[in-house]
Amino acid sequence: MATGTGGEHVGPDSDEVYLVVRNDEEQYSIWRAGLELPAGWHAEGLRGSRRECLDHIDVVWTDMRPLSLRRRLAGADV
């Protein structure tokens, strides 16, 4: 269990609110709500508990390959 900036304990079962975020390569992650998103990452729309966000990612991120690789392979004669 980690300690948050205010000294509170933050763990997977905490009441923290997260966002599902996605980058330009269509890779997903979660980010604590209220914090500025890192460059290149965009809020995907879902906001909820850590578990809710991770469950959503399990459903929507079905192809782990980066977008650039998928595009390259789609244009290749295999």
PDB file of N, CA and C in Angstrom:
ATOM      1  N   MET A   1       0.853  -1.179   0.000  1.00  0.00           N
ATOM      2  CA  MET A   1       0.000   0.000   0.000  1.00  0.00           C
ATOM      3  C   MET A   1       0.894   1.235   0.000  1.00  0.00           C
ATOM      4  N   ALA A   2       0.586   2.175  -0.867  1.00  0.00           N
ATOM      5  CA  ALA A   2       1.367   3.402  -0.987  1.00  0.00           C
ATOM      6  C   ALA A   2       0.749   4.505  -0.137  1.00  0.00           C
ATOM      7  N   THR A   3       1.499   5.551   0.042  1.00  0.00           N
ATOM      8  CA  THR A   3       1.010   6.716   0.764  1.00  0.00           C
ATOM      9  C   THR A   3       0.781   7.841  -0.223  1.00  0.00           C
ATOM     10  N   GLY A   4      -0.390   8.452  -0.186  1.00  0.00           N
ATOM     11  CA  GLY A   4      -0.710   9.552  -1.074  1.00  0.00           C
ATOM     12  C   GLY A   4      -0.036  10.840  -0.634  1.00  0.00           C
ATOM     13  N   THR A   5      -0.241  11.889  -1.404  1.00  0.00           N
ATOM     14  CA  THR A   5       0.416  13.170  -1.129  1.00  0.00           C
ATOM     15  C   THR A   5      -0.027  13.783   0.184  1.00  0.00           C
ATOM     16  N   GLY A   6      -1.216  13.442   0.668  1.00  0.00           N
ATOM     17  CA  GLY A   6      -1.707  13.978   1.938  1.00  0.00           C
ATOM     18  C   GLY A   6      -1.427  13.057   3.106  1.00  0.00           C
ATOM     19  N   GLY A   7      -0.613  12.006   2.893  1.00  0.00           N
ATOM     20  CA  GLY A   7      -0.279  11.078   3.944  1.00  0.00           C
ATOM     21  C   GLY A   7      -1.267   9.937   4.085  1.00  0.00           C
ATOM     22  N   GLU A   8      -2.367   9.967   3.309  1.00  0.00           N
ATOM     23  CA  GLU A   8      -3.360   8.902   3.390  1.00  0.00           C
ATOM     24  C   GLU A   8      -2.831   7.643   2.694  1.00  0.00           C
ATOM     25  N   HIS A   9      -3.350   6.499   3.101  1.00  0.00           N
ATOM     26  CA  HIS A   9      -2.947   5.251   2.457  1.00  0.00           C
ATOM     27  C   HIS A   9      -3.776   5.056   1.198  1.00  0.00           C
ATOM     28  N   VAL A  10      -3.079   4.764   0.101  1.00  0.00           N
ATOM     29  CA  VAL A  10      -3.723   4.568  -1.187  1.00  0.00           C
ATOM     30  C   VAL A  10      -3.366   3.176  -1.677  1.00  0.00           C
ATOM     31  N   GLY A  11      -4.362   2.359  -1.920  1.00  0.00           N
ATOM     32  CA  GLY A  11      -4.143   1.010  -2.417  1.00  0.00           C
ATOM     33  C   GLY A  11      -5.217   0.641  -3.407  1.00  0.00           C
ATOM     34  N   PRO A  12      -5.166  -0.569  -3.922  1.00  0.00           N
ATOM     35  CA  PRO A  12      -6.141  -0.984  -4.928  1.00  0.00           C
ATOM     36  C   PRO A  12      -7.589  -0.908  -4.461  1.00  0.00           C
ATOM     37  N   ASP A  13      -7.831  -0.999  -3.166  1.00  0.00           N
ATOM     38  CA  ASP A  13      -9.196  -0.978  -2.656  1.00  0.00           C
ATOM     39  C   ASP A  13      -9.606   0.387  -2.097  1.00  0.00           C
ATOM     40  N   SER A  14      -8.816   1.412  -2.361  1.00  0.00           N
ATOM     41  CA  SER A  14      -9.133   2.735  -1.831  1.00  0.00           C
ATOM     42  C   SER A  14     -10.313   3.337  -2.584  1.00  0.00           C
ATOM     43  N   ASP A  15     -10.786   4.478  -2.105  1.00  0.00           N
ATOM     44  CA  ASP A  15     -11.910   5.162  -2.736  1.00  0.00           C
ATOM     45  C   ASP A  15     -11.460   6.131  -3.822  1.00  0.00           C
ATOM     46  N   GLU A  16     -10.210   6.025  -4.239  1.00  0.00           N
ATOM     47  CA  GLU A  16      -9.694   6.914  -5.292  1.00  0.00           C
ATOM     48  C   GLU A  16     -10.517   6.752  -6.566  1.00  0.00           C
ATOM     49  N   VAL A  17     -10.669   7.832  -7.313  1.00  0.00           N
ATOM     50  CA  VAL A  17     -11.367   7.804  -8.597  1.00  0.00           C
ATOM     51  C   VAL A  17     -10.313   7.878  -9.694  1.00  0.00           C
ATOM     52  N   TYR A  18     -10.478   7.034 -10.692  1.00  0.00           N
ATOM     53  CA  TYR A  18      -9.531   6.953 -11.805  1.00  0.00           C
ATOM     54  C   TYR A  18     -10.234   7.239 -13.113  1.00  0.00           C
ATOM     55  N   LEU A  19      -9.430   7.533 -14.123  1.00  0.00           N
ATOM     56  CA  LEU A  19      -9.891   7.707 -15.497  1.00  0.00           C
ATOM     57  C   LEU A  19      -9.247   6.626 -16.341  1.00  0.00           C
ATOM     58  N   VAL A  20      -9.965   6.167 -17.358  1.00  0.00           N
ATOM     59  CA  VAL A  20      -9.337   5.330 -18.376  1.00  0.00           C
ATOM     60  C   VAL A  20      -8.738   6.303 -19.382  1.00  0.00           C
ATOM     61  N   VAL A  21      -7.473   6.119 -19.684  1.00  0.00           N
ATOM     62  CA  VAL A  21      -6.787   6.994 -20.631  1.00  0.00           C
ATOM     63  C   VAL A  21      -6.232   6.164 -21.780  1.00  0.00           C
ATOM     64  N   ARG A  22      -6.050   6.824 -22.929  1.00  0.00           N
ATOM     65  CA  ARG A  22      -5.544   6.162 -24.132  1.00  0.00           C
ATOM     66  C   ARG A  22      -4.562   7.096 -24.820  1.00  0.00           C
ATOM     67  N   ASN A  23      -3.508   6.526 -25.380  1.00  0.00           N
ATOM     68  CA  ASN A  23      -2.561   7.352 -26.114  1.00  0.00           C
ATOM     69  C   ASN A  23      -2.820   7.243 -27.621  1.00  0.00           C
ATOM     70  N   ASP A  24      -2.014   7.949 -28.416  1.00  0.00           N
ATOM     71  CA  ASP A  24      -2.217   7.975 -29.863  1.00  0.00           C
ATOM     72  C   ASP A  24      -1.946   6.629 -30.522  1.00  0.00           C
ATOM     73  N   GLU A  25      -1.290   5.723 -29.824  1.00  0.00           N
ATOM     74  CA  GLU A  25      -1.050   4.367 -30.328  1.00  0.00           C
ATOM     75  C   GLU A  25      -2.168   3.413 -29.902  1.00  0.00           C
ATOM     76  N   GLU A  26      -3.229   3.970 -29.313  1.00  0.00           N
ATOM     77  CA  GLU A  26      -4.384   3.217 -28.837  1.00  0.00           C
ATOM     78  C   GLU A  26      -4.009   2.190 -27.771  1.00  0.00           C
ATOM     79  N   GLN A  27      -3.097   2.592 -26.900  1.00  0.00           N
ATOM     80  CA  GLN A  27      -2.737   1.803 -25.726  1.00  0.00           C
ATOM     81  C   GLN A  27      -3.462   2.422 -24.538  1.00  0.00           C
ATOM     82  N   TYR A  28      -3.935   1.590 -23.641  1.00  0.00           N
ATOM     83  CA  TYR A  28      -4.768   2.036 -22.526  1.00  0.00           C
ATOM     84  C   TYR A  28      -4.032   1.965 -21.201  1.00  0.00           C
ATOM     85  N   SER A  29      -4.477   2.802 -20.272  1.00  0.00           N
ATOM     86  CA  SER A  29      -3.983   2.782 -18.908  1.00  0.00           C
ATOM     87  C   SER A  29      -5.032   3.449 -18.027  1.00  0.00           C
ATOM     88  N   ILE A  30      -4.738   3.520 -16.731  1.00  0.00           N
ATOM     89  CA  ILE A  30      -5.594   4.278 -15.824  1.00  0.00           C
ATOM     90  C   ILE A  30      -4.762   5.400 -15.227  1.00  0.00           C
ATOM     91  N   TRP A  31      -5.445   6.463 -14.849  1.00  0.00           N
ATOM     92  CA  TRP A  31      -4.782   7.640 -14.285  1.00  0.00           C
ATOM     93  C   TRP A  31      -5.675   8.196 -13.192  1.00  0.00           C
ATOM     94  N   ARG A  32      -5.082   8.578 -12.104  1.00  0.00           N
ATOM     95  CA  ARG A  32      -5.864   9.116 -10.994  1.00  0.00           C
ATOM     96  C   ARG A  32      -6.558  10.409 -11.411  1.00  0.00           C
ATOM     97  N   ALA A  33      -7.876  10.464 -11.212  1.00  0.00           N
ATOM     98  CA  ALA A  33      -8.651  11.654 -11.559  1.00  0.00           C
ATOM     99  C   ALA A  33      -8.135  12.845 -10.768  1.00  0.00           C
ATOM    100  N   GLY A  34      -8.163  13.991 -11.388  1.00  0.00           N
ATOM    101  CA  GLY A  34      -7.727  15.207 -10.722  1.00  0.00           C
ATOM    102  C   GLY A  34      -6.271  15.550 -10.987  1.00  0.00           C
ATOM    103  N   LEU A  35      -5.504  14.587 -11.493  1.00  0.00           N
ATOM    104  CA  LEU A  35      -4.115  14.866 -11.845  1.00  0.00           C
ATOM    105  C   LEU A  35      -4.027  15.186 -13.328  1.00  0.00           C
ATOM    106  N   GLU A  36      -3.105  16.057 -13.680  1.00  0.00           N
ATOM    107  CA  GLU A  36      -2.912  16.409 -15.078  1.00  0.00           C
ATOM    108  C   GLU A  36      -2.422  15.182 -15.849  1.00  0.00           C
ATOM    109  N   LEU A  37      -3.026  14.962 -17.008  1.00  0.00           N
ATOM    110  CA  LEU A  37      -2.618  13.822 -17.824  1.00  0.00           C
ATOM    111  C   LEU A  37      -1.240  14.077 -18.438  1.00  0.00           C
ATOM    112  N   PRO A  38      -0.433  13.035 -18.558  1.00  0.00           N
ATOM    113  CA  PRO A  38       0.868  13.198 -19.206  1.00  0.00           C
ATOM    114  C   PRO A  38       0.684  13.516 -20.686  1.00  0.00           C
ATOM    115  N   ALA A  39       1.677  14.130 -21.289  1.00  0.00           N
ATOM    116  CA  ALA A  39       1.632  14.456 -22.714  1.00  0.00           C
ATOM    117  C   ALA A  39       1.383  13.191 -23.522  1.00  0.00           C
ATOM    118  N   GLY A  40       0.505  13.302 -24.509  1.00  0.00           N
ATOM    119  CA  GLY A  40       0.221  12.186 -25.393  1.00  0.00           C
ATOM    120  C   GLY A  40      -0.889  11.263 -24.919  1.00  0.00           C
ATOM    121  N   TRP A  41      -1.440  11.503 -23.752  1.00  0.00           N
ATOM    122  CA  TRP A  41      -2.518  10.680 -23.215  1.00  0.00           C
ATOM    123  C   TRP A  41      -3.806  11.497 -23.151  1.00  0.00           C
ATOM    124  N   HIS A  42      -4.935  10.832 -23.409  1.00  0.00           N
ATOM    125  CA  HIS A  42      -6.228  11.499 -23.460  1.00  0.00           C
ATOM    126  C   HIS A  42      -7.248  10.683 -22.670  1.00  0.00           C
ATOM    127  N   ALA A  43      -8.135  11.365 -21.978  1.00  0.00           N
ATOM    128  CA  ALA A  43      -9.196  10.667 -21.244  1.00  0.00           C
ATOM    129  C   ALA A  43     -10.082   9.950 -22.257  1.00  0.00           C
ATOM    130  N   GLU A  44     -10.372   8.689 -21.994  1.00  0.00           N
ATOM    131  CA  GLU A  44     -11.151   7.860 -22.907  1.00  0.00           C
ATOM    132  C   GLU A  44     -12.638   7.961 -22.611  1.00  0.00           C
ATOM    133  N   GLY A  45     -12.987   8.418 -21.429  1.00  0.00           N
ATOM    134  CA  GLY A  45     -14.394   8.639 -21.115  1.00  0.00           C
ATOM    135  C   GLY A  45     -14.856   8.000 -19.819  1.00  0.00           C
ATOM    136  N   LEU A  46     -14.328   6.817 -19.479  1.00  0.00           N
ATOM    137  CA  LEU A  46     -14.792   6.157 -18.265  1.00  0.00           C
ATOM    138  C   LEU A  46     -14.080   6.714 -17.049  1.00  0.00           C
ATOM    139  N   ARG A  47     -14.844   6.906 -16.003  1.00  0.00           N
ATOM    140  CA  ARG A  47     -14.333   7.405 -14.726  1.00  0.00           C
ATOM    141  C   ARG A  47     -14.945   6.524 -13.651  1.00  0.00           C
ATOM    142  N   GLY A  48     -14.125   6.004 -12.738  1.00  0.00           N
ATOM    143  CA  GLY A  48     -14.668   5.144 -11.695  1.00  0.00           C
ATOM    144  C   GLY A  48     -13.575   4.616 -10.795  1.00  0.00           C
ATOM    145  N   SER A  49     -13.884   3.527 -10.123  1.00  0.00           N
ATOM    146  CA  SER A  49     -12.893   2.908  -9.237  1.00  0.00           C
ATOM    147  C   SER A  49     -11.782   2.278 -10.083  1.00  0.00           C
ATOM    148  N   ARG A  50     -10.701   1.959  -9.430  1.00  0.00           N
ATOM    149  CA  ARG A  50      -9.579   1.315 -10.118  1.00  0.00           C
ATOM    150  C   ARG A  50     -10.070   0.036 -10.790  1.00  0.00           C
ATOM    151  N   ARG A  51     -10.827  -0.771 -10.072  1.00  0.00           N
ATOM    152  CA  ARG A  51     -11.323  -2.044 -10.599  1.00  0.00           C
ATOM    153  C   ARG A  51     -12.237  -1.833 -11.793  1.00  0.00           C
ATOM    154  N   GLU A  52     -13.154  -0.851 -11.711  1.00  0.00           N
ATOM    155  CA  GLU A  52     -14.057  -0.564 -12.831  1.00  0.00           C
ATOM    156  C   GLU A  52     -13.275  -0.169 -14.076  1.00  0.00           C
ATOM    157  N   CYS A  53     -12.260   0.662 -13.894  1.00  0.00           N
ATOM    158  CA  CYS A  53     -11.461   1.120 -15.031  1.00  0.00           C
ATOM    159  C   CYS A  53     -10.668  -0.041 -15.638  1.00  0.00           C
ATOM    160  N   LEU A  54     -10.056  -0.870 -14.808  1.00  0.00           N
ATOM    161  CA  LEU A  54      -9.297  -2.008 -15.320  1.00  0.00           C
ATOM    162  C   LEU A  54     -10.213  -3.018 -16.010  1.00  0.00           C
ATOM    163  N   ASP A  55     -11.403  -3.230 -15.470  1.00  0.00           N
ATOM    164  CA  ASP A  55     -12.356  -4.134 -16.113  1.00  0.00           C
ATOM    165  C   ASP A  55     -12.763  -3.600 -17.485  1.00  0.00           C
ATOM    166  N   HIS A  56     -12.968  -2.300 -17.588  1.00  0.00           N
ATOM    167  CA  HIS A  56     -13.321  -1.687 -18.868  1.00  0.00           C
ATOM    168  C   HIS A  56     -12.193  -1.885 -19.883  1.00  0.00           C
ATOM    169  N   ILE A  57     -10.962  -1.682 -19.454  1.00  0.00           N
ATOM    170  CA  ILE A  57      -9.813  -1.861 -20.349  1.00  0.00           C
ATOM    171  C   ILE A  57      -9.750  -3.312 -20.844  1.00  0.00           C
ATOM    172  N   ASP A  58     -10.022  -4.265 -19.968  1.00  0.00           N
ATOM    173  CA  ASP A  58     -10.032  -5.673 -20.379  1.00  0.00           C
ATOM    174  C   ASP A  58     -11.023  -5.930 -21.515  1.00  0.00           C
ATOM    175  N   VAL A  59     -12.122  -5.187 -21.531  1.00  0.00           N
ATOM    176  CA  VAL A  59     -13.145  -5.370 -22.559  1.00  0.00           C
ATOM    177  C   VAL A  59     -12.764  -4.666 -23.859  1.00  0.00           C
ATOM    178  N   VAL A  60     -12.268  -3.439 -23.776  1.00  0.00           N
ATOM    179  CA  VAL A  60     -12.058  -2.644 -24.994  1.00  0.00           C
ATOM    180  C   VAL A  60     -10.681  -2.804 -25.637  1.00  0.00           C
ATOM    181  N   TRP A  61      -9.683  -3.208 -24.884  1.00  0.00           N
ATOM    182  CA  TRP A  61      -8.323  -3.299 -25.445  1.00  0.00           C
ATOM    183  C   TRP A  61      -8.067  -4.742 -25.831  1.00  0.00           C
ATOM    184  N   THR A  62      -8.568  -5.119 -26.991  1.00  0.00           N
ATOM    185  CA  THR A  62      -8.493  -6.509 -27.420  1.00  0.00           C
ATOM    186  C   THR A  62      -7.253  -6.815 -28.248  1.00  0.00           C
ATOM    187  N   ASP A  63      -6.621  -5.809 -28.797  1.00  0.00           N
ATOM    188  CA  ASP A  63      -5.404  -5.991 -29.595  1.00  0.00           C
ATOM    189  C   ASP A  63      -4.307  -5.142 -28.985  1.00  0.00           C
ATOM    190  N   MET A  64      -3.358  -5.789 -28.336  1.00  0.00           N
ATOM    191  CA  MET A  64      -2.329  -5.074 -27.591  1.00  0.00           C
ATOM    192  C   MET A  64      -1.270  -4.407 -28.481  1.00  0.00           C
ATOM    193  N   ARG A  65      -1.285  -4.728 -29.767  1.00  0.00           N
ATOM    194  CA  ARG A  65      -0.279  -4.139 -30.658  1.00  0.00           C
ATOM    195  C   ARG A  65      -0.532  -2.647 -30.831  1.00  0.00           C
ATOM    196  N   PRO A  66       0.533  -1.841 -30.850  1.00  0.00           N
ATOM    197  CA  PRO A  66       0.360  -0.401 -31.085  1.00  0.00           C
ATOM    198  C   PRO A  66      -0.294  -0.157 -32.452  1.00  0.00           C
ATOM    199  N   LEU A  67      -1.022   0.927 -32.574  1.00  0.00           N
ATOM    200  CA  LEU A  67      -1.715   1.281 -33.807  1.00  0.00           C
ATOM    201  C   LEU A  67      -0.762   1.329 -34.994  1.00  0.00           C
ATOM    202  N   SER A  68       0.417   1.906 -34.818  1.00  0.00           N
ATOM    203  CA  SER A  68       1.362   2.017 -35.935  1.00  0.00           C
ATOM    204  C   SER A  68       1.764   0.641 -36.464  1.00  0.00           C
ATOM    205  N   LEU A  69       1.936  -0.340 -35.595  1.00  0.00           N
ATOM    206  CA  LEU A  69       2.276  -1.692 -36.023  1.00  0.00           C
ATOM    207  C   LEU A  69       1.102  -2.334 -36.750  1.00  0.00           C
ATOM    208  N   ARG A  70      -0.113  -2.167 -36.231  1.00  0.00           N
ATOM    209  CA  ARG A  70      -1.288  -2.730 -36.887  1.00  0.00           C
ATOM    210  C   ARG A  70      -1.450  -2.159 -38.290  1.00  0.00           C
ATOM    211  N   ARG A  71      -1.228  -0.866 -38.428  1.00  0.00           N
ATOM    212  CA  ARG A  71      -1.334  -0.225 -39.737  1.00  0.00           C
ATOM    213  C   ARG A  71      -0.264  -0.750 -40.687  1.00  0.00           C
ATOM    214  N   ARG A  72       0.947  -0.889 -40.193  1.00  0.00           N
ATOM    215  CA  ARG A  72       2.049  -1.384 -41.016  1.00  0.00           C
ATOM    216  C   ARG A  72       1.760  -2.804 -41.497  1.00  0.00           C
ATOM    217  N   LEU A  73       1.291  -3.645 -40.583  1.00  0.00           N
ATOM    218  CA  LEU A  73       0.998  -5.026 -40.943  1.00  0.00           C
ATOM    219  C   LEU A  73      -0.201  -5.121 -41.896  1.00  0.00           C
ATOM    220  N   ALA A  74      -1.162  -4.229 -41.731  1.00  0.00           N
ATOM    221  CA  ALA A  74      -2.340  -4.238 -42.614  1.00  0.00           C
ATOM    222  C   ALA A  74      -1.956  -3.883 -44.042  1.00  0.00           C
ATOM    223  N   GLY A  75      -0.894  -3.089 -44.203  1.00  0.00           N
ATOM    224  CA  GLY A  75      -0.453  -2.692 -45.537  1.00  0.00           C
ATOM    225  C   GLY A  75       0.554  -3.640 -46.145  1.00  0.00           C
ATOM    226  N   ALA A  76       1.032  -4.617 -45.374  1.00  0.00           N
ATOM    227  CA  ALA A  76       2.041  -5.550 -45.850  1.00  0.00           C
ATOM    228  C   ALA A  76       1.369  -6.727 -46.543  1.00  0.00           C
ATOM    229  N   ASP A  77       2.038  -7.241 -47.543  1.00  0.00           N
ATOM    230  CA  ASP A  77       1.566  -8.466 -48.198  1.00  0.00           C
ATOM    231  C   ASP A  77       2.115  -9.644 -47.441  1.00  0.00           C
ATOM    232  N   VAL A  78       1.266 -10.268 -46.659  1.00  0.00           N
ATOM    233  CA  VAL A  78       1.711 -11.394 -45.827  1.00  0.00           C
ATOM    234  C   VAL A  78       1.326 -12.704 -46.463  1.00  0.00           C
TER     235      VAL A  78
END
